[in-house]
N, C-alpha and C. Protein backbone atom coordinates (compact mmCIF):
# COMPACT_ATOMS: atom_id res chain seq x y z
N UNK A 1 6.85 13.92 4.73
CA UNK A 1 6.34 13.71 6.12
C UNK A 1 7.50 13.24 6.99
N UNK A 2 7.62 14.03 8.15
CA UNK A 2 8.67 13.57 8.96
C UNK A 2 8.39 12.44 9.80
N UNK A 3 9.38 11.74 9.89
CA UNK A 3 9.25 10.34 10.99
C UNK A 3 8.46 10.45 12.22
N UNK A 4 8.47 11.74 12.67
CA UNK A 4 7.84 11.98 13.91
C UNK A 4 6.61 11.70 13.96
N UNK A 5 5.69 11.42 12.84
CA UNK A 5 4.39 11.30 13.02
C UNK A 5 4.16 9.72 12.56
N UNK A 6 5.10 8.94 12.52
CA UNK A 6 4.71 7.65 12.07
C UNK A 6 4.92 6.99 13.38
N UNK A 7 3.93 5.93 13.50
CA UNK A 7 3.91 5.17 14.69
C UNK A 7 3.50 3.82 14.55
N UNK A 8 4.16 2.88 15.19
CA UNK A 8 3.63 1.33 14.75
C UNK A 8 2.15 0.91 15.23
N UNK A 9 1.63 0.20 14.29
CA UNK A 9 0.04 -0.02 14.68
C UNK A 9 0.08 -1.57 15.08
N UNK A 10 -0.52 -1.81 16.27
CA UNK A 10 -0.61 -3.12 16.58
C UNK A 10 -1.01 -4.17 15.47
N UNK A 11 -0.46 -5.26 15.33
CA UNK A 11 -0.81 -6.19 14.32
C UNK A 11 -2.35 -6.59 14.29
N UNK A 12 -2.92 -6.66 15.48
CA UNK A 12 -4.37 -7.08 15.47
C UNK A 12 -5.40 -6.03 15.03
N UNK A 13 -4.91 -4.65 14.83
CA UNK A 13 -5.40 -3.59 14.13
C UNK A 13 -4.92 -3.26 12.85
N UNK A 14 -4.23 -4.04 12.44
CA UNK A 14 -3.57 -3.66 11.13
C UNK A 14 -4.66 -3.71 9.69
N UNK A 15 -5.51 -4.69 10.13
CA UNK A 15 -6.78 -4.60 9.14
C UNK A 15 -7.31 -3.56 8.89
N UNK A 16 -7.52 -2.48 9.97
CA UNK A 16 -8.24 -1.32 9.97
C UNK A 16 -7.22 -0.27 8.90
N UNK A 17 -6.22 -0.49 8.59
CA UNK A 17 -5.53 0.42 7.65
C UNK A 17 -6.17 0.18 6.26
N UNK A 18 -6.77 -1.04 5.90
CA UNK A 18 -7.07 -1.24 4.49
C UNK A 18 -8.71 -1.40 4.59
N UNK A 19 -9.38 -1.43 5.59
CA UNK A 19 -10.81 -1.94 5.44
C UNK A 19 -11.68 -0.98 5.06
N UNK A 20 -11.10 0.38 4.93
CA UNK A 20 -12.15 1.13 4.12
C UNK A 20 -11.78 1.35 2.52
N UNK A 21 -11.09 0.58 2.23
CA UNK A 21 -10.99 0.31 0.77
C UNK A 21 -10.16 1.22 -0.14
N UNK A 22 -8.86 1.55 0.60
CA UNK A 22 -8.04 2.63 -0.16
C UNK A 22 -7.59 2.28 -1.44
N UNK A 23 -6.95 2.86 -2.47
CA UNK A 23 -6.06 2.48 -3.29
C UNK A 23 -4.58 2.46 -2.65
N UNK A 24 -3.80 1.17 -3.03
CA UNK A 24 -2.52 1.19 -2.29
C UNK A 24 -1.57 1.16 -3.45
N UNK A 25 -0.20 1.36 -3.10
CA UNK A 25 0.96 1.55 -3.80
C UNK A 25 1.76 0.29 -3.46
N UNK A 26 1.83 -0.72 -4.04
CA UNK A 26 2.67 -1.87 -3.91
C UNK A 26 4.33 -1.54 -4.11
N UNK A 27 4.90 -1.88 -3.11
CA UNK A 27 6.65 -1.71 -3.64
C UNK A 27 7.15 -3.07 -3.05
N UNK A 28 8.23 -3.32 -3.98
CA UNK A 28 8.93 -4.74 -3.85
C UNK A 28 10.32 -4.36 -4.19
N UNK A 29 11.17 -5.21 -3.68
CA UNK A 29 12.51 -5.34 -4.11
C UNK A 29 13.10 -6.77 -4.08
N UNK A 30 14.06 -6.75 -4.94
CA UNK A 30 15.03 -8.03 -5.06
C UNK A 30 16.20 -8.02 -5.69
N UNK A 31 16.95 -8.38 -5.11
CA UNK A 31 18.41 -8.39 -5.75
C UNK A 31 18.87 -7.12 -6.17
N UNK A 32 18.82 -5.93 -5.51
CA UNK A 32 19.41 -4.80 -5.74
C UNK A 32 18.29 -3.88 -6.40
N UNK A 33 17.25 -4.65 -7.12
CA UNK A 33 16.17 -3.79 -7.99
C UNK A 33 14.98 -3.51 -7.13
N UNK A 34 14.28 -2.78 -7.50
CA UNK A 34 13.10 -2.03 -6.75
C UNK A 34 12.10 -1.54 -7.67
N UNK A 35 10.65 -1.85 -7.17
CA UNK A 35 9.81 -0.86 -8.10
C UNK A 35 8.71 -0.61 -7.09
N UNK A 36 7.68 0.07 -7.90
CA UNK A 36 6.26 0.43 -6.97
C UNK A 36 5.42 0.73 -8.10
N UNK A 37 4.21 0.18 -7.82
CA UNK A 37 2.81 0.05 -8.57
C UNK A 37 1.69 0.47 -7.75
N UNK A 38 0.61 1.16 -8.66
CA UNK A 38 -0.70 1.28 -7.86
C UNK A 38 -1.57 -0.03 -8.03
N UNK A 39 -2.21 -0.18 -7.18
CA UNK A 39 -3.35 -1.17 -7.09
C UNK A 39 -4.50 -1.02 -6.50
N UNK A 40 -5.74 -1.07 -7.13
CA UNK A 40 -6.80 -0.55 -6.54
C UNK A 40 -7.72 -1.80 -5.73
N UNK A 41 -7.09 -3.09 -6.17
CA UNK A 41 -7.87 -4.22 -5.49
C UNK A 41 -7.16 -4.89 -4.47
N UNK A 42 -7.10 -4.43 -3.27
CA UNK A 42 -6.32 -4.88 -2.14
C UNK A 42 -7.41 -4.93 -0.93
N UNK A 43 -7.14 -5.77 0.07
CA UNK A 43 -8.11 -5.87 0.93
C UNK A 43 -7.78 -6.63 2.30
N UNK A 44 -8.20 -6.60 3.57
CA UNK A 44 -7.58 -7.17 4.72
C UNK A 44 -8.42 -8.53 4.54
N UNK A 45 -7.95 -9.64 5.03
CA UNK A 45 -8.54 -10.95 5.26
C UNK A 45 -8.72 -11.60 6.69
N UNK A 46 -7.93 -11.02 7.63
CA UNK A 46 -7.93 -11.67 8.59
C UNK A 46 -7.34 -10.79 9.83
N UNK A 47 -7.56 -11.18 11.12
CA UNK A 47 -7.12 -10.43 12.37
C UNK A 47 -5.77 -10.67 12.87
N UNK A 48 -5.82 -12.10 13.34
CA UNK A 48 -4.82 -12.67 14.13
C UNK A 48 -4.27 -14.03 13.40
N UNK A 49 -3.31 -14.27 12.83
CA UNK A 49 -2.44 -13.29 12.19
C UNK A 49 -3.03 -12.44 11.14
N UNK A 50 -2.74 -11.12 11.19
CA UNK A 50 -3.54 -10.42 9.90
C UNK A 50 -2.91 -10.87 8.53
N UNK A 51 -3.73 -10.94 7.60
CA UNK A 51 -3.76 -11.34 6.36
C UNK A 51 -4.13 -10.09 5.38
N UNK A 52 -3.56 -9.99 4.12
CA UNK A 52 -4.24 -9.11 3.08
C UNK A 52 -4.18 -9.97 1.89
N UNK A 53 -4.95 -9.39 0.81
CA UNK A 53 -5.23 -10.13 -0.79
C UNK A 53 -4.57 -8.77 -1.47
N UNK A 54 -4.05 -8.97 -2.54
CA UNK A 54 -3.80 -8.11 -3.50
C UNK A 54 -4.11 -8.76 -4.92
N UNK A 55 -4.34 -8.05 -5.79
CA UNK A 55 -4.46 -8.45 -7.31
C UNK A 55 -3.09 -7.88 -8.01
N UNK A 56 -2.54 -8.55 -8.75
CA UNK A 56 -1.50 -8.06 -9.51
C UNK A 56 -1.09 -8.82 -10.78
N UNK A 57 -1.22 -8.02 -11.92
CA UNK A 57 -1.32 -8.73 -13.19
C UNK A 57 0.05 -9.35 -13.21
N UNK A 58 -0.05 -10.15 -14.40
CA UNK A 58 1.38 -10.99 -14.67
C UNK A 58 2.20 -10.03 -15.31
N UNK A 59 1.78 -9.15 -16.08
CA UNK A 59 2.68 -8.23 -16.80
C UNK A 59 3.59 -7.35 -16.01
N UNK A 60 3.39 -7.22 -14.56
CA UNK A 60 3.99 -6.28 -13.89
C UNK A 60 5.24 -6.59 -13.25
N UNK A 61 6.30 -5.54 -13.43
CA UNK A 61 7.52 -5.83 -12.55
C UNK A 61 7.52 -6.07 -11.28
N UNK A 62 6.76 -5.19 -10.52
CA UNK A 62 6.63 -5.24 -9.17
C UNK A 62 6.19 -6.85 -8.60
N UNK A 63 5.41 -7.45 -9.52
CA UNK A 63 4.95 -8.76 -9.14
C UNK A 63 6.13 -9.66 -9.40
N UNK A 64 6.81 -9.57 -10.59
CA UNK A 64 8.10 -10.28 -10.51
C UNK A 64 9.09 -10.16 -9.34
N UNK A 65 9.26 -8.98 -8.89
CA UNK A 65 10.17 -8.88 -7.61
C UNK A 65 9.57 -9.33 -6.37
N UNK A 66 8.28 -9.19 -6.14
CA UNK A 66 7.48 -9.72 -5.10
C UNK A 66 7.47 -11.07 -4.84
N UNK A 67 7.49 -11.85 -6.17
CA UNK A 67 7.68 -13.44 -6.13
C UNK A 67 8.88 -13.83 -5.92
N UNK A 68 9.74 -13.05 -6.52
CA UNK A 68 11.28 -13.60 -6.16
C UNK A 68 11.54 -13.22 -4.64
N UNK A 69 11.33 -12.12 -4.24
CA UNK A 69 11.66 -12.04 -2.65
C UNK A 69 10.75 -12.43 -1.72
N UNK A 70 9.58 -12.71 -2.00
CA UNK A 70 8.62 -13.29 -0.98
C UNK A 70 8.07 -12.10 -0.03
N UNK A 71 8.38 -11.04 -0.30
CA UNK A 71 7.81 -9.83 0.48
C UNK A 71 7.53 -8.66 -0.10
N UNK A 72 6.62 -7.73 0.57
CA UNK A 72 6.41 -6.62 -0.18
C UNK A 72 5.55 -5.74 0.72
N UNK A 73 5.34 -4.40 0.38
CA UNK A 73 4.76 -3.44 1.16
C UNK A 73 3.44 -3.03 0.47
N UNK A 74 2.46 -2.83 1.26
CA UNK A 74 1.14 -1.98 0.85
C UNK A 74 1.36 -0.60 1.48
N UNK A 75 1.50 0.29 0.56
CA UNK A 75 1.62 1.87 1.13
C UNK A 75 0.36 2.37 0.75
N UNK A 76 -0.22 2.97 1.83
CA UNK A 76 -1.52 3.67 1.61
C UNK A 76 -1.49 5.32 1.30
N UNK A 77 -1.57 5.82 0.32
CA UNK A 77 -1.19 7.02 -0.27
C UNK A 77 -2.37 7.92 0.19
N UNK A 78 -2.12 9.30 0.08
CA UNK A 78 -3.14 10.23 0.45
C UNK A 78 -3.45 11.35 -0.76
N UNK A 79 -4.24 12.22 -0.70
CA UNK A 79 -4.70 13.17 -1.56
C UNK A 79 -3.46 13.92 -2.03
N UNK A 80 -2.69 14.31 -1.21
CA UNK A 80 -1.47 14.98 -1.67
C UNK A 80 -0.59 14.19 -2.67
N UNK A 81 -0.65 12.92 -2.72
CA UNK A 81 -0.05 12.12 -3.59
C UNK A 81 -0.71 11.52 -4.58
N UNK A 82 -1.72 12.08 -5.00
CA UNK A 82 -2.78 11.88 -6.07
C UNK A 82 -1.67 11.79 -7.50
N UNK A 83 -1.06 12.72 -7.63
CA UNK A 83 -0.17 12.69 -9.10
C UNK A 83 0.82 11.56 -8.87
N UNK A 84 1.36 10.99 -7.76
CA UNK A 84 2.29 10.22 -7.79
C UNK A 84 1.61 8.81 -8.11
N UNK A 85 0.39 8.75 -7.33
CA UNK A 85 -0.54 7.34 -7.71
C UNK A 85 -0.60 7.17 -9.15
N UNK A 86 -0.94 8.25 -9.74
CA UNK A 86 -1.32 8.19 -11.32
C UNK A 86 -0.15 7.94 -12.01
N UNK A 87 0.80 8.51 -11.73
CA UNK A 87 2.13 8.17 -12.46
C UNK A 87 2.83 6.77 -12.36
N UNK A 88 2.94 6.27 -10.97
CA UNK A 88 3.54 4.98 -10.85
C UNK A 88 2.55 4.08 -11.22
N UNK A 89 1.17 4.27 -11.19
CA UNK A 89 0.13 3.46 -11.86
C UNK A 89 0.11 3.29 -13.26
N UNK A 90 0.78 4.20 -14.00
CA UNK A 90 0.65 4.09 -15.60
C UNK A 90 2.20 4.28 -16.09
N UNK A 91 3.14 4.04 -15.42
CA UNK A 91 4.52 3.91 -16.13
C UNK A 91 4.96 2.44 -15.72
N UNK A 92 6.00 2.25 -16.67
CA UNK A 92 6.68 0.99 -16.35
C UNK A 92 8.08 0.92 -15.86
N UNK A 93 8.19 0.35 -14.52
CA UNK A 93 9.34 0.51 -13.95
C UNK A 93 10.32 -0.33 -14.62
N UNK A 94 10.28 -1.29 -15.17
CA UNK A 94 11.15 -2.12 -16.10
C UNK A 94 11.37 -1.26 -17.30
N UNK A 95 10.86 -0.66 -17.79
CA UNK A 95 10.94 0.26 -19.07
C UNK A 95 11.94 1.27 -18.39
N UNK A 96 11.50 1.83 -17.70
CA UNK A 96 12.39 3.20 -17.17
C UNK A 96 13.85 2.69 -16.58
N UNK A 97 13.82 1.39 -16.05
CA UNK A 97 15.19 1.02 -15.76
C UNK A 97 16.00 0.55 -16.94
N UNK A 98 15.18 0.00 -17.84
CA UNK A 98 16.23 -0.39 -19.23
C UNK A 98 16.58 0.90 -19.86
N UNK A 99 15.81 2.01 -20.05
CA UNK A 99 15.68 2.86 -20.77
C UNK A 99 16.78 3.90 -20.35
N UNK A 100 16.46 4.10 -18.72
CA UNK A 100 17.19 5.38 -18.17
C UNK A 100 18.07 5.06 -17.15
N UNK A 101 18.30 3.81 -16.72
CA UNK A 101 19.10 3.24 -15.74
C UNK A 101 18.91 3.47 -14.21
N UNK A 102 17.41 3.91 -14.16
CA UNK A 102 17.12 4.15 -12.74
C UNK A 102 15.79 3.68 -12.61
N UNK A 103 15.39 3.67 -11.33
CA UNK A 103 14.11 3.18 -10.87
C UNK A 103 13.04 4.19 -10.94
N UNK A 104 11.90 3.83 -10.63
CA UNK A 104 10.64 4.65 -10.36
C UNK A 104 10.93 5.86 -9.16
N UNK A 105 11.44 5.23 -8.26
CA UNK A 105 11.77 6.23 -7.18
C UNK A 105 12.84 7.15 -7.60
N UNK A 106 13.79 6.85 -8.21
CA UNK A 106 14.89 7.82 -8.80
C UNK A 106 14.25 8.84 -9.78
N UNK A 107 13.68 8.16 -10.86
CA UNK A 107 13.17 8.89 -11.87
C UNK A 107 12.15 10.21 -11.64
N UNK A 108 11.22 9.81 -10.33
CA UNK A 108 10.35 10.63 -9.96
C UNK A 108 10.51 11.35 -8.65
N UNK A 109 11.81 11.25 -8.16
CA UNK A 109 12.12 11.70 -6.76
C UNK A 109 11.49 11.29 -5.91
N UNK A 110 11.10 9.98 -5.62
CA UNK A 110 10.38 9.64 -4.50
C UNK A 110 11.04 9.15 -3.33
N UNK A 111 10.79 9.64 -2.29
CA UNK A 111 11.45 9.54 -0.94
C UNK A 111 11.01 8.26 -0.19
N UNK A 112 12.09 7.43 0.21
CA UNK A 112 11.56 6.34 0.94
C UNK A 112 12.24 6.17 2.35
N UNK A 113 11.78 5.29 3.11
CA UNK A 113 12.53 4.77 4.40
C UNK A 113 12.34 3.33 4.37
N UNK A 114 13.21 2.98 5.20
CA UNK A 114 13.30 1.25 5.43
C UNK A 114 12.35 0.87 6.32
N UNK A 115 11.85 -0.31 6.27
CA UNK A 115 10.85 -0.77 6.84
C UNK A 115 11.47 -1.64 7.88
N UNK A 116 10.68 -2.42 8.90
CA UNK A 116 11.37 -3.18 10.11
C UNK A 116 11.64 -4.54 9.77
N UNK A 117 10.80 -5.11 8.78
CA UNK A 117 10.96 -6.41 8.33
C UNK A 117 11.56 -6.97 7.05
N UNK A 118 11.01 -5.98 6.03
CA UNK A 118 11.15 -6.31 4.54
C UNK A 118 12.21 -5.40 3.92
N UNK A 119 12.72 -6.13 2.71
CA UNK A 119 13.72 -5.13 1.81
C UNK A 119 13.07 -4.14 1.13
N UNK A 120 11.72 -4.30 0.68
CA UNK A 120 11.17 -3.38 -0.16
C UNK A 120 11.22 -1.88 0.53
N UNK A 121 11.15 -0.97 -0.12
CA UNK A 121 11.11 0.39 0.27
C UNK A 121 9.54 0.83 0.86
N UNK A 122 9.66 1.64 1.73
CA UNK A 122 8.28 2.21 2.25
C UNK A 122 8.22 3.86 1.72
N UNK A 123 7.15 4.02 0.95
CA UNK A 123 7.29 5.32 0.38
C UNK A 123 6.82 6.54 1.33
N UNK A 124 7.61 7.48 1.37
CA UNK A 124 7.40 8.62 2.56
C UNK A 124 6.20 9.32 2.16
N UNK A 125 5.65 10.06 2.91
CA UNK A 125 4.39 10.85 2.80
C UNK A 125 3.07 10.25 2.46
N UNK A 126 3.03 8.66 2.66
CA UNK A 126 1.96 7.89 2.71
C UNK A 126 1.43 8.33 4.23
N UNK A 127 0.06 7.61 4.55
CA UNK A 127 -0.46 7.69 5.80
C UNK A 127 -0.59 6.37 6.56
N UNK A 128 -0.12 5.07 5.89
CA UNK A 128 0.06 3.96 6.61
C UNK A 128 0.68 3.15 5.56
N UNK A 129 1.53 2.18 6.05
CA UNK A 129 2.23 0.90 5.55
C UNK A 129 2.18 -0.58 6.03
N UNK A 130 2.29 -1.42 5.37
CA UNK A 130 1.84 -2.63 5.72
C UNK A 130 3.20 -3.60 5.33
N UNK A 131 3.92 -3.98 5.92
CA UNK A 131 4.80 -5.01 5.63
C UNK A 131 4.48 -6.36 5.57
N UNK A 132 4.47 -6.87 4.13
CA UNK A 132 3.88 -8.40 4.27
C UNK A 132 4.92 -9.09 3.73
N UNK A 133 4.67 -10.53 4.12
CA UNK A 133 5.14 -11.84 3.85
C UNK A 133 4.33 -12.70 2.93
N UNK A 134 4.80 -12.90 1.71
CA UNK A 134 3.75 -13.61 1.03
C UNK A 134 3.43 -15.11 1.27
N UNK A 135 2.27 -15.62 1.21
CA UNK A 135 1.86 -16.87 1.29
C UNK A 135 1.72 -17.66 0.11
N UNK A 136 2.73 -18.36 -0.36
CA UNK A 136 2.78 -19.07 -1.59
C UNK A 136 1.37 -19.77 -1.81
N UNK A 137 0.79 -19.42 -2.86
CA UNK A 137 -0.43 -19.98 -3.37
C UNK A 137 -0.44 -19.88 -4.88
N UNK A 138 0.53 -20.79 -5.55
CA UNK A 138 0.86 -20.88 -6.87
C UNK A 138 -0.40 -20.81 -7.86
N UNK A 139 -1.26 -21.47 -7.33
CA UNK A 139 -2.51 -21.71 -8.39
C UNK A 139 -3.32 -20.26 -8.29
N UNK A 140 -3.49 -19.79 -7.22
CA UNK A 140 -4.12 -18.40 -7.12
C UNK A 140 -3.43 -17.37 -7.76
N UNK A 141 -2.06 -17.44 -7.80
CA UNK A 141 -0.95 -16.55 -8.51
C UNK A 141 -1.35 -16.59 -9.97
N UNK A 142 -1.17 -17.66 -10.44
CA UNK A 142 -1.40 -17.90 -11.94
C UNK A 142 -2.72 -17.95 -12.51
N UNK A 143 -3.56 -18.51 -11.97
CA UNK A 143 -5.12 -18.52 -12.33
C UNK A 143 -5.88 -17.16 -12.11
N UNK A 144 -5.56 -16.49 -10.96
CA UNK A 144 -6.39 -15.38 -10.61
C UNK A 144 -5.61 -14.11 -10.25
N UNK A 145 -4.25 -14.22 -10.58
CA UNK A 145 -3.44 -13.19 -10.27
C UNK A 145 -3.59 -12.48 -8.76
N UNK A 146 -4.03 -13.47 -7.85
CA UNK A 146 -4.18 -13.15 -6.44
C UNK A 146 -3.15 -13.41 -5.55
N UNK A 147 -2.67 -12.71 -4.85
CA UNK A 147 -1.60 -12.88 -3.69
C UNK A 147 -2.34 -12.70 -2.37
N UNK A 148 -1.92 -13.43 -1.50
CA UNK A 148 -2.33 -13.57 -0.17
C UNK A 148 -0.87 -13.39 0.75
N UNK A 149 -0.91 -12.73 1.79
CA UNK A 149 0.23 -12.40 2.63
C UNK A 149 -0.22 -12.06 3.96
N UNK A 150 0.74 -12.32 4.97
CA UNK A 150 0.64 -12.16 6.39
C UNK A 150 1.24 -10.79 6.54
N UNK A 151 0.59 -9.83 7.31
CA UNK A 151 1.06 -8.54 7.57
C UNK A 151 2.14 -8.82 8.87
N UNK A 152 3.60 -8.27 8.87
CA UNK A 152 4.33 -8.82 9.75
C UNK A 152 4.89 -7.39 10.41
N UNK A 153 4.44 -6.21 9.92
CA UNK A 153 4.76 -5.03 10.63
C UNK A 153 3.79 -3.97 9.86
N UNK A 154 3.39 -2.93 10.70
CA UNK A 154 2.57 -2.02 10.35
C UNK A 154 2.61 -0.57 11.02
N UNK A 155 2.56 0.38 10.15
CA UNK A 155 2.75 1.99 10.76
C UNK A 155 1.68 2.81 10.36
N UNK A 156 1.44 3.71 10.73
CA UNK A 156 0.56 4.69 10.31
C UNK A 156 0.78 6.37 10.92
N UNK A 157 0.51 7.23 10.07
CA UNK A 157 0.60 8.64 10.54
C UNK A 157 -0.44 8.73 11.63
N UNK A 158 0.13 9.12 12.79
CA UNK A 158 -0.88 9.24 13.92
C UNK A 158 -1.66 10.67 13.95
N UNK A 159 -1.28 11.32 12.73
CA UNK A 159 -2.12 12.58 12.78
C UNK A 159 -3.72 12.19 12.21
N UNK A 160 -3.70 11.00 11.40
CA UNK A 160 -4.75 10.68 11.09
C UNK A 160 -5.19 9.16 11.29
N UNK A 161 -4.16 8.31 11.96
CA UNK A 161 -4.74 7.27 12.34
C UNK A 161 -4.11 7.00 13.84
N UNK A 162 -5.08 6.86 14.72
CA UNK A 162 -4.49 6.38 16.13
C UNK A 162 -5.47 5.78 17.06
N UNK A 163 -5.15 5.04 17.89
CA UNK A 163 -6.02 4.18 18.77
C UNK A 163 -6.99 3.42 17.94
N UNK A 164 -6.53 2.86 16.74
CA UNK A 164 -6.95 1.81 15.97
C UNK A 164 -8.24 2.46 15.08
N UNK A 165 -8.14 3.86 15.05
CA UNK A 165 -9.21 4.45 13.95
C UNK A 165 -8.67 5.58 13.43
N UNK A 166 -9.42 5.74 11.91
CA UNK A 166 -8.79 6.90 11.00
C UNK A 166 -9.66 8.16 11.59
N UNK A 167 -9.00 9.28 11.41
CA UNK A 167 -9.69 10.58 11.93
C UNK A 167 -8.95 11.55 11.02
N UNK A 168 -9.78 11.96 10.02
CA UNK A 168 -9.13 13.02 9.17
C UNK A 168 -9.42 14.21 9.07
N UNK A 169 -10.44 14.80 10.28
CA UNK A 169 -10.71 15.83 10.36
C UNK A 169 -9.45 16.96 10.40
N UNK A 170 -9.45 18.22 9.73
CA UNK A 170 -8.20 19.13 9.69
C UNK A 170 -7.06 18.49 9.00
N UNK A 171 -7.05 17.46 8.34
CA UNK A 171 -6.06 16.98 7.53
C UNK A 171 -6.40 16.44 6.14
N UNK A 172 -7.26 17.29 5.51
CA UNK A 172 -7.76 16.99 3.99
C UNK A 172 -6.70 16.52 3.06
N UNK A 173 -5.61 16.91 3.18
CA UNK A 173 -4.57 16.68 2.32
C UNK A 173 -4.06 15.08 2.57
N UNK A 174 -4.38 14.59 3.64
CA UNK A 174 -3.78 13.43 4.43
C UNK A 174 -4.95 12.11 3.92
N UNK A 175 -6.17 12.76 3.46
CA UNK A 175 -7.32 11.62 3.38
C UNK A 175 -6.91 10.55 2.10
N UNK A 176 -7.56 9.61 2.38
CA UNK A 176 -7.18 8.57 1.55
C UNK A 176 -7.71 8.34 0.13
N UNK A 177 -7.03 7.86 -0.80
CA UNK A 177 -7.59 7.87 -2.30
C UNK A 177 -8.21 6.57 -2.52
N UNK A 178 -9.32 6.75 -3.47
CA UNK A 178 -10.25 5.59 -3.84
C UNK A 178 -10.25 5.73 -5.24
N UNK A 179 -9.75 4.81 -6.06
CA UNK A 179 -9.62 4.80 -7.45
C UNK A 179 -11.08 4.47 -8.05
N UNK A 180 -11.39 5.24 -9.25
CA UNK A 180 -12.62 4.84 -9.59
C UNK A 180 -12.36 4.30 -11.23
N UNK A 181 -11.49 4.98 -11.90
CA UNK A 181 -11.23 4.72 -13.22
C UNK A 181 -10.51 5.82 -14.06
N UNK A 182 -9.73 5.47 -15.01
CA UNK A 182 -9.04 6.55 -15.62
C UNK A 182 -8.31 7.87 -15.00
N UNK A 183 -7.75 7.59 -14.07
CA UNK A 183 -7.15 8.53 -13.16
C UNK A 183 -8.11 9.39 -12.21
N UNK A 184 -9.10 8.73 -12.19
CA UNK A 184 -10.36 9.51 -11.34
C UNK A 184 -10.43 8.84 -9.94
N UNK A 185 -10.13 9.78 -8.86
CA UNK A 185 -10.39 9.11 -7.43
C UNK A 185 -11.53 9.67 -6.81
N UNK A 186 -11.88 9.00 -5.58
CA UNK A 186 -12.89 9.61 -4.66
C UNK A 186 -11.91 9.59 -3.50
N UNK A 187 -12.18 10.66 -2.45
CA UNK A 187 -11.40 10.60 -1.45
C UNK A 187 -12.44 10.18 -0.20
N UNK A 188 -11.73 9.70 0.84
CA UNK A 188 -12.57 9.26 2.00
C UNK A 188 -13.18 10.50 2.79
N UNK A 189 -14.62 10.10 3.04
CA UNK A 189 -15.25 11.24 3.48
C UNK A 189 -15.53 11.52 5.10
N UNK A 190 -16.10 12.13 5.45
CA UNK A 190 -16.65 12.10 6.92
C UNK A 190 -17.00 10.95 7.86
N UNK A 191 -16.85 10.77 8.86
CA UNK A 191 -17.04 9.46 9.80
C UNK A 191 -18.29 9.66 9.94
N UNK A 192 -19.07 8.65 10.15
CA UNK A 192 -20.62 8.43 10.45
C UNK A 192 -20.47 7.10 11.55
N UNK A 193 -21.01 7.13 12.63
CA UNK A 193 -21.13 6.26 13.45
C UNK A 193 -22.53 5.47 13.47
N UNK A 194 -22.76 4.20 13.18
CA UNK A 194 -24.34 3.60 13.24
C UNK A 194 -24.41 3.06 14.55
N UNK A 195 -25.74 2.78 14.73
CA UNK A 195 -26.24 2.49 16.23
C UNK A 195 -27.04 1.05 15.61
N UNK A 196 -26.93 0.09 16.66
CA UNK A 196 -27.84 -1.03 16.27
C UNK A 196 -29.35 -0.75 16.89
N UNK A 197 -30.09 -0.99 15.75
CA UNK A 197 -31.64 -0.76 15.90
C UNK A 197 -32.14 -1.39 17.01
N UNK A 198 -33.10 -1.03 17.94
CA UNK A 198 -33.81 -1.88 18.76
C UNK A 198 -34.81 -2.87 18.29
N UNK A 199 -34.76 -4.05 18.76
CA UNK A 199 -36.08 -4.93 18.28
C UNK A 199 -37.45 -4.51 18.70
């Protein structure tokens, strides 16, 4: 995707990038090392300042980098990236680094761009990006693998997100992914507007 489609998202609308429950790719970097992994359990928590939650298993290298740096990115991938999501979610960045001397981005030819606030790379081709600063909650980290963070910058692909709303018509390849299990995903469907029932 050309950067010509990326637009900043006001932080008070950043929660809408995750509110519909998409699978995310978590990227983190520290001390010259970087990694990316899939996470199905991520959600917005607050409006101002915007906060998010994500669950990251203790065994993941991304979690180690995130804890060391105190920052990370939630990348929101799309249908066009289903194979990438499946791949980075089922491979070990640490193992690739140790055996091949390269990270997942290099090994799979994943293009990135720099964020506005964090060191972690942002994955090109996604439809939204949330740069996050970790809110240290050691008990939550250790006991529940739960990480809370403040969103400090956000961007989205204006072809499918503008004026605070998702609109996927005519861009099926840019629809967000929703993980079910075992490499099976659903995609976001058509929008429906509800009305308040009269008393």
